[in-house]
Amino acid sequence: MKKIYFNEAVEIYDDSLNMQEVYSKAKELVPWRKGPFKINDLFIDSEWRSNIKFDLLKEHFKDLLKDKIVADVGCNNGYYMFKMLEYGAKKIIGFDPSEHCYKQFCFLNSLINSDIVFERLGVENLINYKHRFDVIFCLGVLYHRSDPINTLKQLKQSLNPSGVLFLDTIYIESDEEIALCPKNSYAKMSNVYFLPSIKALQNWCERAKFKNFTILSKKSTDTDEQRKTEWINSHSLEDFLSKDGQKTIEGYESPKRIYVKLEI
């Protein structure tokens, strides 16, 4: 008998599974960045404890998803989408161009057997997609985009009237309307382009024609949330910060995230 639970881990219990095959397949799919997942007694301890971000946001969206068309942009392996299943969305569609993430999603969904759709597309493809969306999640994506204002415009244009965007991004502490543009990398990420102050982020959102900008939370990223495990086989946050954790190894502020709700 198959049972699915949505706790800290997405938990899958199925006594018909060959667990040696499941373990071998899961190990083939390392690194596991988002999670965790539990398949019978096998615990996939992902690099990110993604339940921390999900729990931070769920009080703000749990009553919004029922019978709605939902998009998760930059969905990785689908952890957030699987967790959303219990809130009764009409349709959940993930967007991520990564082949590796798609393979992890397919492996997991072969066990869960959900109706979630995974599209190997990026945020730039949303405006020409066959659906508009009632709710969009864009988590940990904006700082990877070289034109953040245009990205916000694309997200807005992909929403239905009265649609909602949940956004998180790394920000810098400043009372000015400025953004950090790292020279080569930020916390060893070479694909980070702009890290705004909160005022700059709000300006970006207003330029993209969002009407309401609601700050839901702010949180430092720490080694309780992102850390090295046997399921990634590579470096993680502790390797990218100074010894005291106050700076990145490049000398920038250590990562802090802001979570906002945007309405049109």
C-alpha atoms as a PDB file:
ATOM      1  CA  MET A   1       0.000   0.000   0.000  1.00  0.00           C
ATOM      2  CA  LYS A   2       1.308   3.453  -0.956  1.00  0.00           C
ATOM      3  CA  LYS A   3       1.026   6.393   1.434  1.00  0.00           C
ATOM      4  CA  ILE A   4       2.337   9.941   1.014  1.00  0.00           C
ATOM      5  CA  TYR A   5       2.944  12.349   3.889  1.00  0.00           C
ATOM      6  CA  PHE A   6       3.987  15.985   3.729  1.00  0.00           C
ATOM      7  CA  ASN A   7       6.046  16.601   6.844  1.00  0.00           C
ATOM      8  CA  GLU A   8       9.547  18.115   7.034  1.00  0.00           C
ATOM      9  CA  ALA A   9      10.396  15.524   4.398  1.00  0.00           C
ATOM     10  CA  VAL A  10       8.090  14.487   1.596  1.00  0.00           C
ATOM     11  CA  GLU A  11       7.542  10.940   2.842  1.00  0.00           C
ATOM     12  CA  ILE A  12       6.686   8.031   0.557  1.00  0.00           C
ATOM     13  CA  TYR A  13       5.768   4.646   2.017  1.00  0.00           C
ATOM     14  CA  ASP A  14       5.223   1.750  -0.369  1.00  0.00           C
ATOM     15  CA  ASP A  15       5.837  -1.829   0.705  1.00  0.00           C
ATOM     16  CA  SER A  16       6.012  -2.987  -2.896  1.00  0.00           C
ATOM     17  CA  LEU A  17       9.239  -1.095  -3.625  1.00  0.00           C
ATOM     18  CA  ASN A  18      12.572  -2.799  -4.204  1.00  0.00           C
ATOM     19  CA  MET A  19      14.588  -0.596  -1.873  1.00  0.00           C
ATOM     20  CA  GLN A  20      17.984  -1.633  -3.230  1.00  0.00           C
ATOM     21  CA  GLU A  21      16.912  -0.378  -6.653  1.00  0.00           C
ATOM     22  CA  VAL A  22      15.469   2.786  -5.124  1.00  0.00           C
ATOM     23  CA  TYR A  23      18.698   3.465  -3.203  1.00  0.00           C
ATOM     24  CA  SER A  24      20.867   2.856  -6.274  1.00  0.00           C
ATOM     25  CA  LYS A  25      18.752   5.184  -8.399  1.00  0.00           C
ATOM     26  CA  ALA A  26      18.721   7.895  -5.751  1.00  0.00           C
ATOM     27  CA  LYS A  27      22.511   7.705  -5.448  1.00  0.00           C
ATOM     28  CA  GLU A  28      22.857   7.979  -9.231  1.00  0.00           C
ATOM     29  CA  LEU A  29      20.967  11.277  -8.991  1.00  0.00           C
ATOM     30  CA  VAL A  30      23.364  12.976  -6.539  1.00  0.00           C
ATOM     31  CA  PRO A  31      23.603  15.924  -5.866  1.00  0.00           C
ATOM     32  CA  TRP A  32      20.277  16.435  -4.102  1.00  0.00           C
ATOM     33  CA  ARG A  33      20.024  20.190  -3.525  1.00  0.00           C
ATOM     34  CA  LYS A  34      16.366  20.516  -2.427  1.00  0.00           C
ATOM     35  CA  GLY A  35      14.439  18.318  -0.039  1.00  0.00           C
ATOM     36  CA  PRO A  36      14.460  16.334   2.176  1.00  0.00           C
ATOM     37  CA  PHE A  37      12.680  13.203   0.994  1.00  0.00           C
ATOM     38  CA  LYS A  38      12.035   9.924   2.769  1.00  0.00           C
ATOM     39  CA  ILE A  39      11.292   6.746   0.816  1.00  0.00           C
ATOM     40  CA  ASN A  40      10.346   4.016   3.268  1.00  0.00           C
ATOM     41  CA  ASP A  41      13.414   4.006   5.555  1.00  0.00           C
ATOM     42  CA  LEU A  42      15.688   5.794   3.071  1.00  0.00           C
ATOM     43  CA  PHE A  43      16.251   9.413   4.104  1.00  0.00           C
ATOM     44  CA  ILE A  44      17.577  11.694   1.340  1.00  0.00           C
ATOM     45  CA  ASP A  45      19.169  14.466   3.376  1.00  0.00           C
ATOM     46  CA  SER A  46      19.372  17.226   0.793  1.00  0.00           C
ATOM     47  CA  GLU A  47      21.797  20.158   0.949  1.00  0.00           C
ATOM     48  CA  TRP A  48      18.943  22.585   1.632  1.00  0.00           C
ATOM     49  CA  ARG A  49      16.419  21.957   4.368  1.00  0.00           C
ATOM     50  CA  SER A  50      13.788  23.383   2.040  1.00  0.00           C
ATOM     51  CA  ASN A  51      11.046  22.840   4.603  1.00  0.00           C
ATOM     52  CA  ILE A  52      12.359  25.931   6.439  1.00  0.00           C
ATOM     53  CA  LYS A  53      11.502  28.206   3.502  1.00  0.00           C
ATOM     54  CA  PHE A  54       8.262  26.372   2.809  1.00  0.00           C
ATOM     55  CA  ASP A  55       7.102  26.675   6.416  1.00  0.00           C
ATOM     56  CA  LEU A  56       8.001  30.357   6.449  1.00  0.00           C
ATOM     57  CA  LEU A  57       5.759  30.996   3.438  1.00  0.00           C
ATOM     58  CA  LYS A  58       2.907  28.534   3.847  1.00  0.00           C
ATOM     59  CA  GLU A  59       0.883  30.618   6.300  1.00  0.00           C
ATOM     60  CA  HIS A  60       0.678  33.273   3.599  1.00  0.00           C
ATOM     61  CA  PHE A  61      -0.397  31.009   0.720  1.00  0.00           C
ATOM     62  CA  LYS A  62      -2.111  27.929   2.148  1.00  0.00           C
ATOM     63  CA  ASP A  63      -5.580  29.434   1.662  1.00  0.00           C
ATOM     64  CA  LEU A  64      -4.798  30.802  -1.824  1.00  0.00           C
ATOM     65  CA  LEU A  65      -4.032  27.620  -3.778  1.00  0.00           C
ATOM     66  CA  LYS A  66      -7.336  25.744  -3.760  1.00  0.00           C
ATOM     67  CA  ASP A  67      -8.656  25.304  -7.323  1.00  0.00           C
ATOM     68  CA  LYS A  68      -5.932  27.628  -8.648  1.00  0.00           C
ATOM     69  CA  ILE A  69      -3.373  27.268 -11.442  1.00  0.00           C
ATOM     70  CA  VAL A  70       0.037  27.483  -9.762  1.00  0.00           C
ATOM     71  CA  ALA A  71       3.531  27.861 -11.192  1.00  0.00           C
ATOM     72  CA  ASP A  72       6.842  27.202  -9.453  1.00  0.00           C
ATOM     73  CA  VAL A  73       9.578  28.963 -11.416  1.00  0.00           C
ATOM     74  CA  GLY A  74      13.005  27.451 -10.802  1.00  0.00           C
ATOM     75  CA  CYS A  75      11.308  24.425  -9.263  1.00  0.00           C
ATOM     76  CA  ASN A  76      14.461  22.286  -8.973  1.00  0.00           C
ATOM     77  CA  ASN A  77      13.363  18.682  -8.270  1.00  0.00           C
ATOM     78  CA  GLY A  78       9.810  19.630  -7.322  1.00  0.00           C
ATOM     79  CA  TYR A  79      10.057  19.574  -3.522  1.00  0.00           C
ATOM     80  CA  TYR A  80       7.861  22.661  -3.066  1.00  0.00           C
ATOM     81  CA  MET A  81       5.361  21.428  -5.659  1.00  0.00           C
ATOM     82  CA  PHE A  82       4.991  18.063  -3.958  1.00  0.00           C
ATOM     83  CA  LYS A  83       4.447  19.844  -0.641  1.00  0.00           C
ATOM     84  CA  MET A  84       1.755  22.009  -2.282  1.00  0.00           C
ATOM     85  CA  LEU A  85      -0.314  18.962  -3.234  1.00  0.00           C
ATOM     86  CA  GLU A  86      -2.136  19.015   0.096  1.00  0.00           C
ATOM     87  CA  TYR A  87      -3.586  22.492  -0.582  1.00  0.00           C
ATOM     88  CA  GLY A  88      -5.895  21.527  -3.436  1.00  0.00           C
ATOM     89  CA  ALA A  89      -4.514  23.419  -6.418  1.00  0.00           C
ATOM     90  CA  LYS A  90      -6.279  22.792  -9.724  1.00  0.00           C
ATOM     91  CA  LYS A  91      -2.962  22.469 -11.544  1.00  0.00           C
ATOM     92  CA  ILE A  92       0.693  22.760 -10.492  1.00  0.00           C
ATOM     93  CA  ILE A  93       3.316  23.408 -13.161  1.00  0.00           C
ATOM     94  CA  GLY A  94       7.054  23.632 -12.537  1.00  0.00           C
ATOM     95  CA  PHE A  95       9.562  25.417 -14.735  1.00  0.00           C
ATOM     96  CA  ASP A  96      13.259  24.568 -14.685  1.00  0.00           C
ATOM     97  CA  PRO A  97      15.587  24.001 -17.653  1.00  0.00           C
ATOM     98  CA  SER A  98      17.903  21.670 -15.699  1.00  0.00           C
ATOM     99  CA  GLU A  99      18.023  18.104 -17.007  1.00  0.00           C
ATOM    100  CA  HIS A 100      19.349  16.885 -13.667  1.00  0.00           C
ATOM    101  CA  CYS A 101      16.421  18.428 -11.769  1.00  0.00           C
ATOM    102  CA  TYR A 102      14.010  16.943 -14.282  1.00  0.00           C
ATOM    103  CA  LYS A 103      15.470  13.459 -13.756  1.00  0.00           C
ATOM    104  CA  GLN A 104      15.117  13.799  -9.983  1.00  0.00           C
ATOM    105  CA  PHE A 105      11.523  14.965 -10.391  1.00  0.00           C
ATOM    106  CA  CYS A 106      10.687  12.031 -12.678  1.00  0.00           C
ATOM    107  CA  PHE A 107      12.206   9.573 -10.207  1.00  0.00           C
ATOM    108  CA  LEU A 108      10.194  11.024  -7.322  1.00  0.00           C
ATOM    109  CA  ASN A 109       6.985  11.384  -9.284  1.00  0.00           C
ATOM    110  CA  SER A 110       7.207   7.768 -10.433  1.00  0.00           C
ATOM    111  CA  LEU A 111       6.757   6.945  -6.731  1.00  0.00           C
ATOM    112  CA  ILE A 112       4.214   9.666  -5.899  1.00  0.00           C
ATOM    113  CA  ASN A 113       2.248   9.517  -9.179  1.00  0.00           C
ATOM    114  CA  SER A 114       0.992  13.106  -9.006  1.00  0.00           C
ATOM    115  CA  ASP A 115      -0.494  15.231 -11.805  1.00  0.00           C
ATOM    116  CA  ILE A 116       2.253  17.857 -11.455  1.00  0.00           C
ATOM    117  CA  VAL A 117       3.659  19.016 -14.799  1.00  0.00           C
ATOM    118  CA  PHE A 118       7.397  19.719 -15.129  1.00  0.00           C
ATOM    119  CA  GLU A 119       8.438  21.928 -18.043  1.00  0.00           C
ATOM    120  CA  ARG A 120      12.105  22.212 -18.948  1.00  0.00           C
ATOM    121  CA  LEU A 121      11.662  25.925 -19.578  1.00  0.00           C
ATOM    122  CA  GLY A 122      12.868  29.135 -17.969  1.00  0.00           C
ATOM    123  CA  VAL A 123      11.122  32.237 -16.642  1.00  0.00           C
ATOM    124  CA  GLU A 124      11.391  33.853 -20.072  1.00  0.00           C
ATOM    125  CA  ASN A 125       9.050  31.180 -21.458  1.00  0.00           C
ATOM    126  CA  LEU A 126       6.175  31.885 -19.088  1.00  0.00           C
ATOM    127  CA  ILE A 127       4.564  34.710 -21.047  1.00  0.00           C
ATOM    128  CA  ASN A 128       4.072  32.471 -24.100  1.00  0.00           C
ATOM    129  CA  TYR A 129       2.934  29.454 -22.100  1.00  0.00           C
ATOM    130  CA  LYS A 130      -0.539  28.002 -22.702  1.00  0.00           C
ATOM    131  CA  HIS A 131      -1.739  29.050 -19.233  1.00  0.00           C
ATOM    132  CA  ARG A 132      -1.784  32.218 -17.234  1.00  0.00           C
ATOM    133  CA  PHE A 133      -1.320  31.592 -13.531  1.00  0.00           C
ATOM    134  CA  ASP A 134      -3.238  32.525 -10.412  1.00  0.00           C
ATOM    135  CA  VAL A 135      -0.223  32.094  -8.137  1.00  0.00           C
ATOM    136  CA  ILE A 136       3.464  32.083  -9.081  1.00  0.00           C
ATOM    137  CA  PHE A 137       6.340  31.140  -6.811  1.00  0.00           C
ATOM    138  CA  CYS A 138       9.749  32.476  -7.856  1.00  0.00           C
ATOM    139  CA  LEU A 139      12.123  31.482  -5.084  1.00  0.00           C
ATOM    140  CA  GLY A 140      15.875  31.972  -5.287  1.00  0.00           C
ATOM    141  CA  VAL A 141      15.851  32.941  -8.964  1.00  0.00           C
ATOM    142  CA  LEU A 142      15.935  36.729  -9.302  1.00  0.00           C
ATOM    143  CA  TYR A 143      19.612  37.202  -8.388  1.00  0.00           C
ATOM    144  CA  HIS A 144      20.540  34.736 -11.143  1.00  0.00           C
ATOM    145  CA  ARG A 145      18.934  36.977 -13.780  1.00  0.00           C
ATOM    146  CA  SER A 146      21.014  39.652 -15.511  1.00  0.00           C
ATOM    147  CA  ASP A 147      17.912  41.810 -16.084  1.00  0.00           C
ATOM    148  CA  PRO A 148      15.849  41.557 -12.882  1.00  0.00           C
ATOM    149  CA  ILE A 149      13.297  44.223 -13.830  1.00  0.00           C
ATOM    150  CA  ASN A 150      12.493  42.504 -17.111  1.00  0.00           C
ATOM    151  CA  THR A 151      12.203  39.197 -15.226  1.00  0.00           C
ATOM    152  CA  LEU A 152       9.666  40.788 -12.874  1.00  0.00           C
ATOM    153  CA  LYS A 153       7.756  42.136 -15.883  1.00  0.00           C
ATOM    154  CA  GLN A 154       7.645  38.659 -17.409  1.00  0.00           C
ATOM    155  CA  LEU A 155       6.324  37.220 -14.164  1.00  0.00           C
ATOM    156  CA  LYS A 156       3.637  39.899 -13.908  1.00  0.00           C
ATOM    157  CA  GLN A 157       2.529  39.370 -17.501  1.00  0.00           C
ATOM    158  CA  SER A 158       2.161  35.645 -16.757  1.00  0.00           C
ATOM    159  CA  LEU A 159      -0.372  36.197 -13.975  1.00  0.00           C
ATOM    160  CA  ASN A 160      -4.137  36.219 -14.285  1.00  0.00           C
ATOM    161  CA  PRO A 161      -6.002  39.310 -13.063  1.00  0.00           C
ATOM    162  CA  SER A 162      -5.804  39.376  -9.262  1.00  0.00           C
ATOM    163  CA  GLY A 163      -2.817  37.025  -9.453  1.00  0.00           C
ATOM    164  CA  VAL A 164      -0.174  36.794  -6.737  1.00  0.00           C
ATOM    165  CA  LEU A 165       3.598  36.374  -6.919  1.00  0.00           C
ATOM    166  CA  PHE A 166       5.615  35.013  -4.007  1.00  0.00           C
ATOM    167  CA  LEU A 167       9.237  36.062  -4.421  1.00  0.00           C
ATOM    168  CA  ASP A 168      12.412  35.613  -2.455  1.00  0.00           C
ATOM    169  CA  THR A 169      15.832  36.976  -3.209  1.00  0.00           C
ATOM    170  CA  ILE A 170      19.116  37.749  -1.493  1.00  0.00           C
ATOM    171  CA  TYR A 171      19.316  41.394  -0.461  1.00  0.00           C
ATOM    172  CA  ILE A 172      21.870  43.781   1.048  1.00  0.00           C
ATOM    173  CA  GLU A 173      21.468  45.986   4.098  1.00  0.00           C
ATOM    174  CA  SER A 174      21.202  49.629   3.056  1.00  0.00           C
ATOM    175  CA  ASP A 175      18.793  52.517   3.456  1.00  0.00           C
ATOM    176  CA  GLU A 176      19.690  53.641  -0.052  1.00  0.00           C
ATOM    177  CA  GLU A 177      18.145  52.585  -3.366  1.00  0.00           C
ATOM    178  CA  ILE A 178      21.168  50.605  -4.506  1.00  0.00           C
ATOM    179  CA  ALA A 179      22.219  47.101  -5.538  1.00  0.00           C
ATOM    180  CA  LEU A 180      25.436  45.130  -5.209  1.00  0.00           C
ATOM    181  CA  CYS A 181      26.861  43.851  -8.485  1.00  0.00           C
ATOM    182  CA  PRO A 182      29.503  41.241  -7.548  1.00  0.00           C
ATOM    183  CA  LYS A 183      32.642  41.365  -9.674  1.00  0.00           C
ATOM    184  CA  ASN A 184      33.222  37.650 -10.279  1.00  0.00           C
ATOM    185  CA  SER A 185      31.154  35.651  -7.822  1.00  0.00           C
ATOM    186  CA  TYR A 186      29.093  35.847  -4.654  1.00  0.00           C
ATOM    187  CA  ALA A 187      29.498  33.024  -2.120  1.00  0.00           C
ATOM    188  CA  LYS A 188      31.217  31.142  -4.956  1.00  0.00           C
ATOM    189  CA  MET A 189      28.180  31.562  -7.234  1.00  0.00           C
ATOM    190  CA  SER A 190      29.381  33.040 -10.525  1.00  0.00           C
ATOM    191  CA  ASN A 191      25.831  33.553 -11.834  1.00  0.00           C
ATOM    192  CA  VAL A 192      24.787  36.228  -9.323  1.00  0.00           C
ATOM    193  CA  TYR A 193      24.233  39.602 -10.961  1.00  0.00           C
ATOM    194  CA  PHE A 194      22.360  42.040  -8.694  1.00  0.00           C
ATOM    195  CA  LEU A 195      21.624  41.962  -4.969  1.00  0.00           C
ATOM    196  CA  PRO A 196      19.328  44.885  -4.157  1.00  0.00           C
ATOM    197  CA  SER A 197      18.628  46.794  -1.010  1.00  0.00           C
ATOM    198  CA  ILE A 198      14.999  46.460   0.057  1.00  0.00           C
ATOM    199  CA  LYS A 199      14.218  49.928  -1.308  1.00  0.00           C
ATOM    200  CA  ALA A 200      15.823  49.022  -4.638  1.00  0.00           C
ATOM    201  CA  LEU A 201      13.851  45.771  -4.797  1.00  0.00           C
ATOM    202  CA  GLN A 202      10.619  47.654  -4.173  1.00  0.00           C
ATOM    203  CA  ASN A 203      11.546  50.093  -6.942  1.00  0.00           C
ATOM    204  CA  TRP A 204      12.153  47.181  -9.322  1.00  0.00           C
ATOM    205  CA  CYS A 205       8.740  45.748  -8.493  1.00  0.00           C
ATOM    206  CA  GLU A 206       7.022  49.104  -9.005  1.00  0.00           C
ATOM    207  CA  ARG A 207       8.773  49.523 -12.364  1.00  0.00           C
ATOM    208  CA  ALA A 208       7.398  46.098 -13.293  1.00  0.00           C
ATOM    209  CA  LYS A 209       3.914  47.508 -12.447  1.00  0.00           C
ATOM    210  CA  PHE A 210       3.178  45.446  -9.365  1.00  0.00           C
ATOM    211  CA  LYS A 211       0.842  47.453  -7.145  1.00  0.00           C
ATOM    212  CA  ASN A 212       1.326  45.871  -3.745  1.00  0.00           C
ATOM    213  CA  PHE A 213       4.682  45.010  -2.176  1.00  0.00           C
ATOM    214  CA  THR A 214       4.280  43.179   1.133  1.00  0.00           C
ATOM    215  CA  ILE A 215       7.315  42.027   3.100  1.00  0.00           C
ATOM    216  CA  LEU A 216       6.545  38.627   4.636  1.00  0.00           C
ATOM    217  CA  SER A 217       9.857  37.895   6.320  1.00  0.00           C
ATOM    218  CA  LYS A 218      13.599  38.430   6.298  1.00  0.00           C
ATOM    219  CA  LYS A 219      16.077  35.705   7.218  1.00  0.00           C
ATOM    220  CA  SER A 220      19.807  35.060   7.150  1.00  0.00           C
ATOM    221  CA  THR A 221      20.846  31.930   5.305  1.00  0.00           C
ATOM    222  CA  ASP A 222      22.803  29.787   7.753  1.00  0.00           C
ATOM    223  CA  THR A 223      24.376  26.350   7.968  1.00  0.00           C
ATOM    224  CA  ASP A 224      21.298  24.957   9.670  1.00  0.00           C
ATOM    225  CA  GLU A 225      19.355  25.586   6.462  1.00  0.00           C
ATOM    226  CA  GLN A 226      22.075  24.904   3.856  1.00  0.00           C
ATOM    227  CA  ARG A 227      24.883  22.468   4.584  1.00  0.00           C
ATOM    228  CA  LYS A 228      27.039  19.652   3.308  1.00  0.00           C
ATOM    229  CA  THR A 229      25.546  16.150   3.445  1.00  0.00           C
ATOM    230  CA  GLU A 230      26.399  12.739   1.998  1.00  0.00           C
ATOM    231  CA  TRP A 231      23.766  13.397  -0.670  1.00  0.00           C
ATOM    232  CA  ILE A 232      25.604  16.240  -2.422  1.00  0.00           C
ATOM    233  CA  ASN A 233      29.277  15.146  -2.537  1.00  0.00           C
ATOM    234  CA  SER A 234      30.494  18.734  -2.905  1.00  0.00           C
ATOM    235  CA  HIS A 235      31.102  21.960  -1.028  1.00  0.00           C
ATOM    236  CA  SER A 236      28.293  23.906   0.596  1.00  0.00           C
ATOM    237  CA  LEU A 237      27.630  27.164   2.431  1.00  0.00           C
ATOM    238  CA  GLU A 238      30.223  26.708   5.190  1.00  0.00           C
ATOM    239  CA  ASP A 239      32.928  26.557   2.507  1.00  0.00           C
ATOM    240  CA  PHE A 240      31.770  29.834   0.969  1.00  0.00           C
ATOM    241  CA  LEU A 241      31.750  32.028   4.093  1.00  0.00           C
ATOM    242  CA  SER A 242      34.437  33.528   6.312  1.00  0.00           C
ATOM    243  CA  LYS A 243      35.304  31.625   9.488  1.00  0.00           C
ATOM    244  CA  ASP A 244      32.988  33.798  11.589  1.00  0.00           C
ATOM    245  CA  GLY A 245      30.187  33.488   8.997  1.00  0.00           C
ATOM    246  CA  GLN A 246      29.743  37.255   8.692  1.00  0.00           C
ATOM    247  CA  LYS A 247      31.132  37.613   5.166  1.00  0.00           C
ATOM    248  CA  THR A 248      31.314  35.602   1.983  1.00  0.00           C
ATOM    249  CA  ILE A 249      34.777  34.422   1.008  1.00  0.00           C
ATOM    250  CA  GLU A 250      34.822  37.297  -1.497  1.00  0.00           C
ATOM    251  CA  GLY A 251      34.290  39.778   1.349  1.00  0.00           C
ATOM    252  CA  TYR A 252      30.626  40.649   0.733  1.00  0.00           C
ATOM    253  CA  GLU A 253      27.834  40.537   3.300  1.00  0.00           C
ATOM    254  CA  SER A 254      26.786  36.979   4.112  1.00  0.00           C
ATOM    255  CA  PRO A 255      23.489  36.023   2.436  1.00  0.00           C
ATOM    256  CA  LYS A 256      20.212  37.321   3.798  1.00  0.00           C
ATOM    257  CA  ARG A 257      16.894  36.690   2.089  1.00  0.00           C
ATOM    258  CA  ILE A 258      13.747  38.718   1.882  1.00  0.00           C
ATOM    259  CA  TYR A 259      10.374  37.114   1.193  1.00  0.00           C
ATOM    260  CA  VAL A 260       7.703  39.280  -0.407  1.00  0.00           C
ATOM    261  CA  LYS A 261       4.176  38.965  -1.740  1.00  0.00           C
ATOM    262  CA  LEU A 262       3.408  40.946  -4.878  1.00  0.00           C
ATOM    263  CA  GLU A 263      -0.045  41.636  -6.262  1.00  0.00           C
ATOM    264  CA  ILE A 264      -1.302  43.186  -9.469  1.00  0.00           C
END
